[in-house]
């Protein structure tokens, strides 16, 4: 069996919300789940990844930035009311989904 030692960037790539996940990190975990390899994750990496995930992947901050742009674009006449409404709807879905995805789970 192959043994793969990962580090903090892998933890971040896997544990981040869906739109920040890295495909390679997800695939590596899938291989481990199928017993194709054994992952080794130092505890320090779990501790180190927590802060970046919690600070860089906050859905509220990302949604706030998009809402600020949306407000500006609407006032500037760059987007239609329909586009603004659709964007708000997508942001609400994003926040609802992301709220539950920031929980650290150690597979």
PDB file of N, CA and C in Angstrom:
ATOM      1  N   UNK A   1       0.852  -1.185   0.000  1.00  0.00           N
ATOM      2  CA  UNK A   1       0.000   0.000   0.000  1.00  0.00           C
ATOM      3  C   UNK A   1       0.892   1.241   0.000  1.00  0.00           C
ATOM      4  N   UNK A   2       0.493   2.229  -0.793  1.00  0.00           N
ATOM      5  CA  UNK A   2       1.229   3.490  -0.823  1.00  0.00           C
ATOM      6  C   UNK A   2       0.865   4.339   0.394  1.00  0.00           C
ATOM      7  N   UNK A   3       1.837   5.041   0.903  1.00  0.00           N
ATOM      8  CA  UNK A   3       1.632   5.956   2.021  1.00  0.00           C
ATOM      9  C   UNK A   3       1.893   7.365   1.507  1.00  0.00           C
ATOM     10  N   UNK A   4       0.948   8.253   1.779  1.00  0.00           N
ATOM     11  CA  UNK A   4       1.055   9.640   1.330  1.00  0.00           C
ATOM     12  C   UNK A   4       1.014  10.541   2.557  1.00  0.00           C
ATOM     13  N   UNK A   5       2.035  11.349   2.692  1.00  0.00           N
ATOM     14  CA  UNK A   5       2.103  12.304   3.790  1.00  0.00           C
ATOM     15  C   UNK A   5       1.671  13.660   3.247  1.00  0.00           C
ATOM     16  N   UNK A   6       0.663  14.228   3.861  1.00  0.00           N
ATOM     17  CA  UNK A   6       0.143  15.521   3.405  1.00  0.00           C
ATOM     18  C   UNK A   6       0.475  16.593   4.428  1.00  0.00           C
ATOM     19  N   UNK A   7       0.269  17.833   3.991  1.00  0.00           N
ATOM     20  CA  UNK A   7       0.569  18.936   4.891  1.00  0.00           C
ATOM     21  C   UNK A   7      -0.598  19.917   4.891  1.00  0.00           C
ATOM     22  N   UNK A   8      -0.401  21.059   5.467  1.00  0.00           N
ATOM     23  CA  UNK A   8      -1.467  22.020   5.719  1.00  0.00           C
ATOM     24  C   UNK A   8      -2.220  22.426   4.454  1.00  0.00           C
ATOM     25  N   UNK A   9      -1.511  22.619   3.353  1.00  0.00           N
ATOM     26  CA  UNK A   9      -2.197  23.029   2.120  1.00  0.00           C
ATOM     27  C   UNK A   9      -3.203  21.977   1.657  1.00  0.00           C
ATOM     28  N   UNK A  10      -2.893  20.695   1.867  1.00  0.00           N
ATOM     29  CA  UNK A  10      -3.849  19.658   1.505  1.00  0.00           C
ATOM     30  C   UNK A  10      -5.089  19.762   2.385  1.00  0.00           C
ATOM     31  N   UNK A  11      -4.885  19.961   3.679  1.00  0.00           N
ATOM     32  CA  UNK A  11      -6.025  20.075   4.598  1.00  0.00           C
ATOM     33  C   UNK A  11      -6.901  21.254   4.171  1.00  0.00           C
ATOM     34  N   UNK A  12      -6.276  22.387   3.865  1.00  0.00           N
ATOM     35  CA  UNK A  12      -7.036  23.556   3.411  1.00  0.00           C
ATOM     36  C   UNK A  12      -7.772  23.226   2.113  1.00  0.00           C
ATOM     37  N   UNK A  13      -7.093  22.576   1.191  1.00  0.00           N
ATOM     38  CA  UNK A  13      -7.693  22.243  -0.097  1.00  0.00           C
ATOM     39  C   UNK A  13      -8.876  21.310   0.008  1.00  0.00           C
ATOM     40  N   UNK A  14      -8.889  20.490   1.039  1.00  0.00           N
ATOM     41  CA  UNK A  14     -10.012  19.581   1.232  1.00  0.00           C
ATOM     42  C   UNK A  14     -11.101  20.183   2.129  1.00  0.00           C
ATOM     43  N   UNK A  15     -10.722  20.855   3.198  1.00  0.00           N
ATOM     44  CA  UNK A  15     -11.681  21.286   4.213  1.00  0.00           C
ATOM     45  C   UNK A  15     -12.392  22.590   3.887  1.00  0.00           C
ATOM     46  N   UNK A  16     -11.908  23.331   2.908  1.00  0.00           N
ATOM     47  CA  UNK A  16     -12.541  24.599   2.551  1.00  0.00           C
ATOM     48  C   UNK A  16     -13.939  24.347   1.970  1.00  0.00           C
ATOM     49  N   UNK A  17     -14.786  25.383   1.967  1.00  0.00           N
ATOM     50  CA  UNK A  17     -16.109  25.235   1.351  1.00  0.00           C
ATOM     51  C   UNK A  17     -15.994  24.815  -0.117  1.00  0.00           C
ATOM     52  N   UNK A  18     -17.068  24.298  -0.646  1.00  0.00           N
ATOM     53  CA  UNK A  18     -17.062  23.675  -1.975  1.00  0.00           C
ATOM     54  C   UNK A  18     -16.413  24.527  -3.059  1.00  0.00           C
ATOM     55  N   UNK A  19     -16.663  25.805  -3.084  1.00  0.00           N
ATOM     56  CA  UNK A  19     -16.136  26.633  -4.171  1.00  0.00           C
ATOM     57  C   UNK A  19     -14.645  26.942  -4.014  1.00  0.00           C
ATOM     58  N   UNK A  20     -14.061  26.560  -2.879  1.00  0.00           N
ATOM     59  CA  UNK A  20     -12.620  26.729  -2.659  1.00  0.00           C
ATOM     60  C   UNK A  20     -11.882  25.389  -2.664  1.00  0.00           C
ATOM     61  N   UNK A  21     -12.616  24.288  -2.681  1.00  0.00           N
ATOM     62  CA  UNK A  21     -11.981  22.966  -2.622  1.00  0.00           C
ATOM     63  C   UNK A  21     -11.064  22.751  -3.817  1.00  0.00           C
ATOM     64  N   UNK A  22     -10.019  21.985  -3.590  1.00  0.00           N
ATOM     65  CA  UNK A  22      -9.098  21.633  -4.665  1.00  0.00           C
ATOM     66  C   UNK A  22      -9.385  20.182  -5.068  1.00  0.00           C
ATOM     67  N   UNK A  23      -9.600  19.978  -6.351  1.00  0.00           N
ATOM     68  CA  UNK A  23      -9.949  18.646  -6.850  1.00  0.00           C
ATOM     69  C   UNK A  23      -8.913  17.597  -6.466  1.00  0.00           C
ATOM     70  N   UNK A  24      -7.645  17.960  -6.535  1.00  0.00           N
ATOM     71  CA  UNK A  24      -6.587  16.990  -6.217  1.00  0.00           C
ATOM     72  C   UNK A  24      -6.690  16.527  -4.763  1.00  0.00           C
ATOM     73  N   UNK A  25      -7.034  17.442  -3.859  1.00  0.00           N
ATOM     74  CA  UNK A  25      -7.169  17.076  -2.447  1.00  0.00           C
ATOM     75  C   UNK A  25      -8.346  16.132  -2.245  1.00  0.00           C
ATOM     76  N   UNK A  26      -9.443  16.410  -2.904  1.00  0.00           N
ATOM     77  CA  UNK A  26     -10.632  15.566  -2.800  1.00  0.00           C
ATOM     78  C   UNK A  26     -10.344  14.180  -3.378  1.00  0.00           C
ATOM     79  N   UNK A  27      -9.675  14.129  -4.528  1.00  0.00           N
ATOM     80  CA  UNK A  27      -9.343  12.843  -5.163  1.00  0.00           C
ATOM     81  C   UNK A  27      -8.434  12.002  -4.267  1.00  0.00           C
ATOM     82  N   UNK A  28      -7.487  12.654  -3.618  1.00  0.00           N
ATOM     83  CA  UNK A  28      -6.575  11.936  -2.730  1.00  0.00           C
ATOM     84  C   UNK A  28      -7.344  11.283  -1.583  1.00  0.00           C
ATOM     85  N   UNK A  29      -8.271  12.010  -1.005  1.00  0.00           N
ATOM     86  CA  UNK A  29      -9.074  11.439   0.075  1.00  0.00           C
ATOM     87  C   UNK A  29      -9.954  10.306  -0.441  1.00  0.00           C
ATOM     88  N   UNK A  30     -10.507  10.473  -1.638  1.00  0.00           N
ATOM     89  CA  UNK A  30     -11.315   9.395  -2.221  1.00  0.00           C
ATOM     90  C   UNK A  30     -10.487   8.124  -2.395  1.00  0.00           C
ATOM     91  N   UNK A  31      -9.246   8.274  -2.832  1.00  0.00           N
ATOM     92  CA  UNK A  31      -8.364   7.108  -2.979  1.00  0.00           C
ATOM     93  C   UNK A  31      -8.114   6.448  -1.623  1.00  0.00           C
ATOM     94  N   UNK A  32      -7.943   7.258  -0.598  1.00  0.00           N
ATOM     95  CA  UNK A  32      -7.726   6.703   0.739  1.00  0.00           C
ATOM     96  C   UNK A  32      -8.968   5.955   1.220  1.00  0.00           C
ATOM     97  N   UNK A  33     -10.119   6.494   0.924  1.00  0.00           N
ATOM     98  CA  UNK A  33     -11.366   5.832   1.331  1.00  0.00           C
ATOM     99  C   UNK A  33     -11.552   4.490   0.618  1.00  0.00           C
ATOM    100  N   UNK A  34     -11.020   4.391  -0.591  1.00  0.00           N
ATOM    101  CA  UNK A  34     -11.095   3.129  -1.344  1.00  0.00           C
ATOM    102  C   UNK A  34      -9.931   2.200  -0.994  1.00  0.00           C
ATOM    103  N   UNK A  35      -9.169   2.550   0.012  1.00  0.00           N
ATOM    104  CA  UNK A  35      -8.010   1.771   0.454  1.00  0.00           C
ATOM    105  C   UNK A  35      -6.939   1.601  -0.628  1.00  0.00           C
ATOM    106  N   UNK A  36      -6.837   2.573  -1.506  1.00  0.00           N
ATOM    107  CA  UNK A  36      -5.799   2.559  -2.527  1.00  0.00           C
ATOM    108  C   UNK A  36      -4.494   3.144  -1.986  1.00  0.00           C
ATOM    109  N   UNK A  37      -4.602   3.911  -0.939  1.00  0.00           N
ATOM    110  CA  UNK A  37      -3.428   4.496  -0.294  1.00  0.00           C
ATOM    111  C   UNK A  37      -3.782   4.841   1.135  1.00  0.00           C
ATOM    112  N   UNK A  38      -2.774   5.137   1.913  1.00  0.00           N
ATOM    113  CA  UNK A  38      -2.982   5.539   3.299  1.00  0.00           C
ATOM    114  C   UNK A  38      -2.480   6.971   3.464  1.00  0.00           C
ATOM    115  N   UNK A  39      -3.364   7.835   3.925  1.00  0.00           N
ATOM    116  CA  UNK A  39      -3.004   9.230   4.163  1.00  0.00           C
ATOM    117  C   UNK A  39      -2.460   9.388   5.576  1.00  0.00           C
ATOM    118  N   UNK A  40      -1.437  10.186   5.692  1.00  0.00           N
ATOM    119  CA  UNK A  40      -0.873  10.535   6.990  1.00  0.00           C
ATOM    120  C   UNK A  40      -0.952  12.052   7.119  1.00  0.00           C
ATOM    121  N   UNK A  41      -1.714  12.499   8.119  1.00  0.00           N
ATOM    122  CA  UNK A  41      -1.928  13.928   8.325  1.00  0.00           C
ATOM    123  C   UNK A  41      -1.417  14.289   9.716  1.00  0.00           C
ATOM    124  N   UNK A  42      -0.320  15.020   9.801  1.00  0.00           N
ATOM    125  CA  UNK A  42       0.156  15.434  11.124  1.00  0.00           C
ATOM    126  C   UNK A  42      -0.882  16.319  11.820  1.00  0.00           C
ATOM    127  N   UNK A  43      -1.050  16.118  13.091  1.00  0.00           N
ATOM    128  CA  UNK A  43      -2.019  16.910  13.855  1.00  0.00           C
ATOM    129  C   UNK A  43      -1.756  18.402  13.714  1.00  0.00           C
ATOM    130  N   UNK A  44      -0.508  18.779  13.624  1.00  0.00           N
ATOM    131  CA  UNK A  44      -0.161  20.189  13.461  1.00  0.00           C
ATOM    132  C   UNK A  44      -0.808  20.776  12.206  1.00  0.00           C
ATOM    133  N   UNK A  45      -0.898  19.986  11.151  1.00  0.00           N
ATOM    134  CA  UNK A  45      -1.504  20.474   9.907  1.00  0.00           C
ATOM    135  C   UNK A  45      -2.986  20.788  10.103  1.00  0.00           C
ATOM    136  N   UNK A  46      -3.656  19.978  10.896  1.00  0.00           N
ATOM    137  CA  UNK A  46      -5.069  20.257  11.176  1.00  0.00           C
ATOM    138  C   UNK A  46      -5.208  21.563  11.940  1.00  0.00           C
ATOM    139  N   UNK A  47      -4.326  21.781  12.881  1.00  0.00           N
ATOM    140  CA  UNK A  47      -4.382  23.021  13.663  1.00  0.00           C
ATOM    141  C   UNK A  47      -4.015  24.225  12.796  1.00  0.00           C
ATOM    142  N   UNK A  48      -3.000  24.078  11.945  1.00  0.00           N
ATOM    143  CA  UNK A  48      -2.567  25.185  11.098  1.00  0.00           C
ATOM    144  C   UNK A  48      -3.623  25.561  10.055  1.00  0.00           C
ATOM    145  N   UNK A  49      -4.355  24.598   9.543  1.00  0.00           N
ATOM    146  CA  UNK A  49      -5.327  24.867   8.488  1.00  0.00           C
ATOM    147  C   UNK A  49      -6.595  25.534   9.011  1.00  0.00           C
ATOM    148  N   UNK A  50      -6.877  25.356  10.274  1.00  0.00           N
ATOM    149  CA  UNK A  50      -8.127  25.892  10.812  1.00  0.00           C
ATOM    150  C   UNK A  50      -8.233  27.394  10.615  1.00  0.00           C
ATOM    151  N   UNK A  51      -7.215  28.137  10.958  1.00  0.00           N
ATOM    152  CA  UNK A  51      -7.281  29.601  10.848  1.00  0.00           C
ATOM    153  C   UNK A  51      -7.471  30.065   9.403  1.00  0.00           C
ATOM    154  N   UNK A  52      -6.687  29.576   8.435  1.00  0.00           N
ATOM    155  CA  UNK A  52      -6.920  30.020   7.055  1.00  0.00           C
ATOM    156  C   UNK A  52      -8.321  29.693   6.536  1.00  0.00           C
ATOM    157  N   UNK A  53      -8.827  28.513   6.876  1.00  0.00           N
ATOM    158  CA  UNK A  53     -10.178  28.176   6.423  1.00  0.00           C
ATOM    159  C   UNK A  53     -11.184  29.135   7.051  1.00  0.00           C
ATOM    160  N   UNK A  54     -11.035  29.383   8.326  1.00  0.00           N
ATOM    161  CA  UNK A  54     -12.003  30.242   9.013  1.00  0.00           C
ATOM    162  C   UNK A  54     -11.878  31.715   8.627  1.00  0.00           C
ATOM    163  N   UNK A  55     -10.696  32.159   8.222  1.00  0.00           N
ATOM    164  CA  UNK A  55     -10.541  33.579   7.878  1.00  0.00           C
ATOM    165  C   UNK A  55     -10.663  33.846   6.384  1.00  0.00           C
ATOM    166  N   UNK A  56     -10.184  32.949   5.552  1.00  0.00           N
ATOM    167  CA  UNK A  56     -10.178  33.193   4.115  1.00  0.00           C
ATOM    168  C   UNK A  56     -11.422  32.684   3.401  1.00  0.00           C
ATOM    169  N   UNK A  57     -12.200  31.887   4.067  1.00  0.00           N
ATOM    170  CA  UNK A  57     -13.349  31.256   3.407  1.00  0.00           C
ATOM    171  C   UNK A  57     -14.669  31.609   4.066  1.00  0.00           C
ATOM    172  N   UNK A  58     -14.754  32.781   4.605  1.00  0.00           N
ATOM    173  CA  UNK A  58     -15.995  33.178   5.250  1.00  0.00           C
ATOM    174  C   UNK A  58     -17.016  33.590   4.201  1.00  0.00           C
ATOM    175  N   UNK A  59     -18.105  32.840   4.083  1.00  0.00           N
ATOM    176  CA  UNK A  59     -19.099  33.158   3.063  1.00  0.00           C
ATOM    177  C   UNK A  59     -19.707  34.543   3.242  1.00  0.00           C
ATOM    178  N   UNK A  60     -19.817  34.991   4.468  1.00  0.00           N
ATOM    179  CA  UNK A  60     -20.402  36.317   4.700  1.00  0.00           C
ATOM    180  C   UNK A  60     -19.525  37.411   4.097  1.00  0.00           C
ATOM    181  N   UNK A  61     -18.207  37.290   4.228  1.00  0.00           N
ATOM    182  CA  UNK A  61     -17.308  38.295   3.666  1.00  0.00           C
ATOM    183  C   UNK A  61     -17.363  38.294   2.148  1.00  0.00           C
ATOM    184  N   UNK A  62     -17.362  37.112   1.557  1.00  0.00           N
ATOM    185  CA  UNK A  62     -17.421  37.014   0.101  1.00  0.00           C
ATOM    186  C   UNK A  62     -18.748  37.543  -0.420  1.00  0.00           C
ATOM    187  N   UNK A  63     -19.824  37.168   0.224  1.00  0.00           N
ATOM    188  CA  UNK A  63     -21.145  37.631  -0.195  1.00  0.00           C
ATOM    189  C   UNK A  63     -21.269  39.144  -0.008  1.00  0.00           C
ATOM    190  N   UNK A  64     -20.695  39.659   1.055  1.00  0.00           N
ATOM    191  CA  UNK A  64     -20.754  41.105   1.302  1.00  0.00           C
ATOM    192  C   UNK A  64     -20.059  41.867   0.165  1.00  0.00           C
ATOM    193  N   UNK A  65     -18.903  41.389  -0.261  1.00  0.00           N
ATOM    194  CA  UNK A  65     -18.178  42.054  -1.339  1.00  0.00           C
ATOM    195  C   UNK A  65     -19.004  42.036  -2.631  1.00  0.00           C
ATOM    196  N   UNK A  66     -19.650  40.919  -2.909  1.00  0.00           N
ATOM    197  CA  UNK A  66     -20.469  40.837  -4.117  1.00  0.00           C
ATOM    198  C   UNK A  66     -21.686  41.753  -3.994  1.00  0.00           C
ATOM    199  N   UNK A  67     -22.287  41.805  -2.812  1.00  0.00           N
ATOM    200  CA  UNK A  67     -23.439  42.695  -2.613  1.00  0.00           C
ATOM    201  C   UNK A  67     -23.041  44.164  -2.784  1.00  0.00           C
ATOM    202  N   UNK A  68     -21.843  44.519  -2.316  1.00  0.00           N
ATOM    203  CA  UNK A  68     -21.374  45.899  -2.494  1.00  0.00           C
ATOM    204  C   UNK A  68     -21.200  46.217  -3.977  1.00  0.00           C
ATOM    205  N   UNK A  69     -20.621  45.276  -4.719  1.00  0.00           N
ATOM    206  CA  UNK A  69     -20.495  45.475  -6.161  1.00  0.00           C
ATOM    207  C   UNK A  69     -21.872  45.568  -6.803  1.00  0.00           C
ATOM    208  N   UNK A  70     -22.772  44.698  -6.399  1.00  0.00           N
ATOM    209  CA  UNK A  70     -24.122  44.680  -6.952  1.00  0.00           C
ATOM    210  C   UNK A  70     -24.814  46.019  -6.746  1.00  0.00           C
ATOM    211  N   UNK A  71     -24.687  46.558  -5.556  1.00  0.00           N
ATOM    212  CA  UNK A  71     -25.286  47.862  -5.261  1.00  0.00           C
ATOM    213  C   UNK A  71     -24.692  48.952  -6.157  1.00  0.00           C
ATOM    214  N   UNK A  72     -23.375  48.945  -6.289  1.00  0.00           N
ATOM    215  CA  UNK A  72     -22.710  49.928  -7.142  1.00  0.00           C
ATOM    216  C   UNK A  72     -23.150  49.767  -8.597  1.00  0.00           C
ATOM    217  N   UNK A  73     -23.151  48.532  -9.088  1.00  0.00           N
ATOM    218  CA  UNK A  73     -23.481  48.266 -10.492  1.00  0.00           C
ATOM    219  C   UNK A  73     -24.931  48.651 -10.793  1.00  0.00           C
ATOM    220  N   UNK A  74     -25.820  48.399  -9.853  1.00  0.00           N
ATOM    221  CA  UNK A  74     -27.234  48.760 -10.033  1.00  0.00           C
ATOM    222  C   UNK A  74     -27.375  50.274 -10.108  1.00  0.00           C
ATOM    223  N   UNK A  75     -26.726  50.978  -9.184  1.00  0.00           N
ATOM    224  CA  UNK A  75     -26.782  52.444  -9.185  1.00  0.00           C
ATOM    225  C   UNK A  75     -26.150  53.043 -10.442  1.00  0.00           C
ATOM    226  N   UNK A  76     -25.108  52.386 -10.947  1.00  0.00           N
ATOM    227  CA  UNK A  76     -24.417  52.883 -12.137  1.00  0.00           C
ATOM    228  C   UNK A  76     -25.138  52.500 -13.421  1.00  0.00           C
ATOM    229  N   UNK A  77     -26.171  51.683 -13.311  1.00  0.00           N
ATOM    230  CA  UNK A  77     -26.916  51.254 -14.483  1.00  0.00           C
ATOM    231  C   UNK A  77     -26.212  50.175 -15.285  1.00  0.00           C
ATOM    232  N   UNK A  78     -25.256  49.502 -14.660  1.00  0.00           N
ATOM    233  CA  UNK A  78     -24.494  48.463 -15.357  1.00  0.00           C
ATOM    234  C   UNK A  78     -25.229  47.130 -15.421  1.00  0.00           C
ATOM    235  N   UNK A  79     -26.211  46.954 -14.554  1.00  0.00           N
ATOM    236  CA  UNK A  79     -26.985  45.706 -14.558  1.00  0.00           C
ATOM    237  C   UNK A  79     -28.470  46.034 -14.459  1.00  0.00           C
ATOM    238  N   UNK A  80     -29.262  45.112 -14.919  1.00  0.00           N
ATOM    239  CA  UNK A  80     -30.717  45.294 -14.894  1.00  0.00           C
ATOM    240  C   UNK A  80     -31.273  44.866 -13.539  1.00  0.00           C
ATOM    241  N   UNK A  81     -32.492  45.287 -13.223  1.00  0.00           N
ATOM    242  CA  UNK A  81     -33.130  44.816 -11.986  1.00  0.00           C
ATOM    243  C   UNK A  81     -33.262  43.293 -11.935  1.00  0.00           C
ATOM    244  N   UNK A  82     -33.489  42.671 -13.093  1.00  0.00           N
ATOM    245  CA  UNK A  82     -33.609  41.212 -13.146  1.00  0.00           C
ATOM    246  C   UNK A  82     -32.270  40.557 -12.790  1.00  0.00           C
ATOM    247  N   UNK A  83     -31.187  41.112 -13.317  1.00  0.00           N
ATOM    248  CA  UNK A  83     -29.864  40.580 -12.997  1.00  0.00           C
ATOM    249  C   UNK A  83     -29.557  40.752 -11.513  1.00  0.00           C
ATOM    250  N   UNK A  84     -29.919  41.900 -10.958  1.00  0.00           N
ATOM    251  CA  UNK A  84     -29.694  42.147  -9.528  1.00  0.00           C
ATOM    252  C   UNK A  84     -30.482  41.151  -8.682  1.00  0.00           C
ATOM    253  N   UNK A  85     -31.723  40.899  -9.065  1.00  0.00           N
ATOM    254  CA  UNK A  85     -32.562  39.959  -8.317  1.00  0.00           C
ATOM    255  C   UNK A  85     -31.996  38.536  -8.399  1.00  0.00           C
ATOM    256  N   UNK A  86     -31.588  38.131  -9.579  1.00  0.00           N
ATOM    257  CA  UNK A  86     -31.020  36.786  -9.739  1.00  0.00           C
ATOM    258  C   UNK A  86     -29.739  36.643  -8.926  1.00  0.00           C
ATOM    259  N   UNK A  87     -28.933  37.678  -8.914  1.00  0.00           N
ATOM    260  CA  UNK A  87     -27.682  37.638  -8.154  1.00  0.00           C
ATOM    261  C   UNK A  87     -27.962  37.523  -6.660  1.00  0.00           C
ATOM    262  N   UNK A  88     -28.924  38.277  -6.167  1.00  0.00           N
ATOM    263  CA  UNK A  88     -29.283  38.187  -4.746  1.00  0.00           C
ATOM    264  C   UNK A  88     -29.767  36.781  -4.393  1.00  0.00           C
ATOM    265  N   UNK A  89     -30.537  36.191  -5.289  1.00  0.00           N
ATOM    266  CA  UNK A  89     -31.036  34.826  -5.060  1.00  0.00           C
ATOM    267  C   UNK A  89     -29.862  33.839  -4.968  1.00  0.00           C
ATOM    268  N   UNK A  90     -28.905  33.950  -5.875  1.00  0.00           N
ATOM    269  CA  UNK A  90     -27.734  33.070  -5.855  1.00  0.00           C
ATOM    270  C   UNK A  90     -26.935  33.284  -4.572  1.00  0.00           C
ATOM    271  N   UNK A  91     -26.763  34.531  -4.149  1.00  0.00           N
ATOM    272  CA  UNK A  91     -26.021  34.812  -2.918  1.00  0.00           C
ATOM    273  C   UNK A  91     -26.696  34.191  -1.699  1.00  0.00           C
ATOM    274  N   UNK A  92     -28.008  34.247  -1.646  1.00  0.00           N
ATOM    275  CA  UNK A  92     -28.727  33.626  -0.527  1.00  0.00           C
ATOM    276  C   UNK A  92     -28.504  32.118  -0.503  1.00  0.00           C
ATOM    277  N   UNK A  93     -28.556  31.483  -1.668  1.00  0.00           N
ATOM    278  CA  UNK A  93     -28.309  30.030  -1.739  1.00  0.00           C
ATOM    279  C   UNK A  93     -26.879  29.713  -1.337  1.00  0.00           C
ATOM    280  N   UNK A  94     -25.943  30.538  -1.794  1.00  0.00           N
ATOM    281  CA  UNK A  94     -24.530  30.362  -1.452  1.00  0.00           C
ATOM    282  C   UNK A  94     -24.338  30.427   0.061  1.00  0.00           C
ATOM    283  N   UNK A  95     -24.901  31.447   0.693  1.00  0.00           N
ATOM    284  CA  UNK A  95     -24.750  31.590   2.144  1.00  0.00           C
ATOM    285  C   UNK A  95     -25.400  30.433   2.889  1.00  0.00           C
ATOM    286  N   UNK A  96     -26.565  30.010   2.454  1.00  0.00           N
ATOM    287  CA  UNK A  96     -27.244  28.896   3.127  1.00  0.00           C
ATOM    288  C   UNK A  96     -26.441  27.605   3.020  1.00  0.00           C
ATOM    289  N   UNK A  97     -25.851  27.349   1.857  1.00  0.00           N
ATOM    290  CA  UNK A  97     -25.052  26.132   1.692  1.00  0.00           C
ATOM    291  C   UNK A  97     -23.734  26.246   2.433  1.00  0.00           C
ATOM    292  N   UNK A  98     -23.074  27.391   2.332  1.00  0.00           N
ATOM    293  CA  UNK A  98     -21.750  27.555   2.932  1.00  0.00           C
ATOM    294  C   UNK A  98     -21.806  27.572   4.453  1.00  0.00           C
ATOM    295  N   UNK A  99     -22.909  28.007   5.026  1.00  0.00           N
ATOM    296  CA  UNK A  99     -23.011  28.059   6.491  1.00  0.00           C
ATOM    297  C   UNK A  99     -22.751  26.704   7.125  1.00  0.00           C
ATOM    298  N   UNK A 100     -23.163  25.638   6.473  1.00  0.00           N
ATOM    299  CA  UNK A 100     -22.973  24.311   7.037  1.00  0.00           C
ATOM    300  C   UNK A 100     -21.712  23.605   6.591  1.00  0.00           C
ATOM    301  N   UNK A 101     -20.938  24.228   5.701  1.00  0.00           N
ATOM    302  CA  UNK A 101     -19.783  23.514   5.145  1.00  0.00           C
ATOM    303  C   UNK A 101     -18.466  23.882   5.792  1.00  0.00           C
ATOM    304  N   UNK A 102     -18.456  24.766   6.765  1.00  0.00           N
ATOM    305  CA  UNK A 102     -17.205  25.189   7.367  1.00  0.00           C
ATOM    306  C   UNK A 102     -16.837  24.389   8.608  1.00  0.00           C
ATOM    307  N   UNK A 103     -17.555  23.332   8.847  1.00  0.00           N
ATOM    308  CA  UNK A 103     -17.255  22.493  10.001  1.00  0.00           C
ATOM    309  C   UNK A 103     -16.086  21.596   9.660  1.00  0.00           C
ATOM    310  N   UNK A 104     -15.107  21.567  10.537  1.00  0.00           N
ATOM    311  CA  UNK A 104     -13.929  20.713  10.312  1.00  0.00           C
ATOM    312  C   UNK A 104     -14.295  19.277  10.658  1.00  0.00           C
ATOM    313  N   UNK A 105     -14.147  18.404   9.697  1.00  0.00           N
ATOM    314  CA  UNK A 105     -14.385  16.984   9.917  1.00  0.00           C
ATOM    315  C   UNK A 105     -13.096  16.261   9.609  1.00  0.00           C
ATOM    316  N   UNK A 106     -12.669  15.447  10.497  1.00  0.00           N
ATOM    317  CA  UNK A 106     -11.457  14.666  10.274  1.00  0.00           C
ATOM    318  C   UNK A 106     -11.862  13.294   9.770  1.00  0.00           C
ATOM    319  N   UNK A 107     -11.689  13.035   8.457  1.00  0.00           N
ATOM    320  CA  UNK A 107     -12.134  11.757   7.892  1.00  0.00           C
ATOM    321  C   UNK A 107     -11.307  10.589   8.403  1.00  0.00           C
TER     322      UNK A 107
END
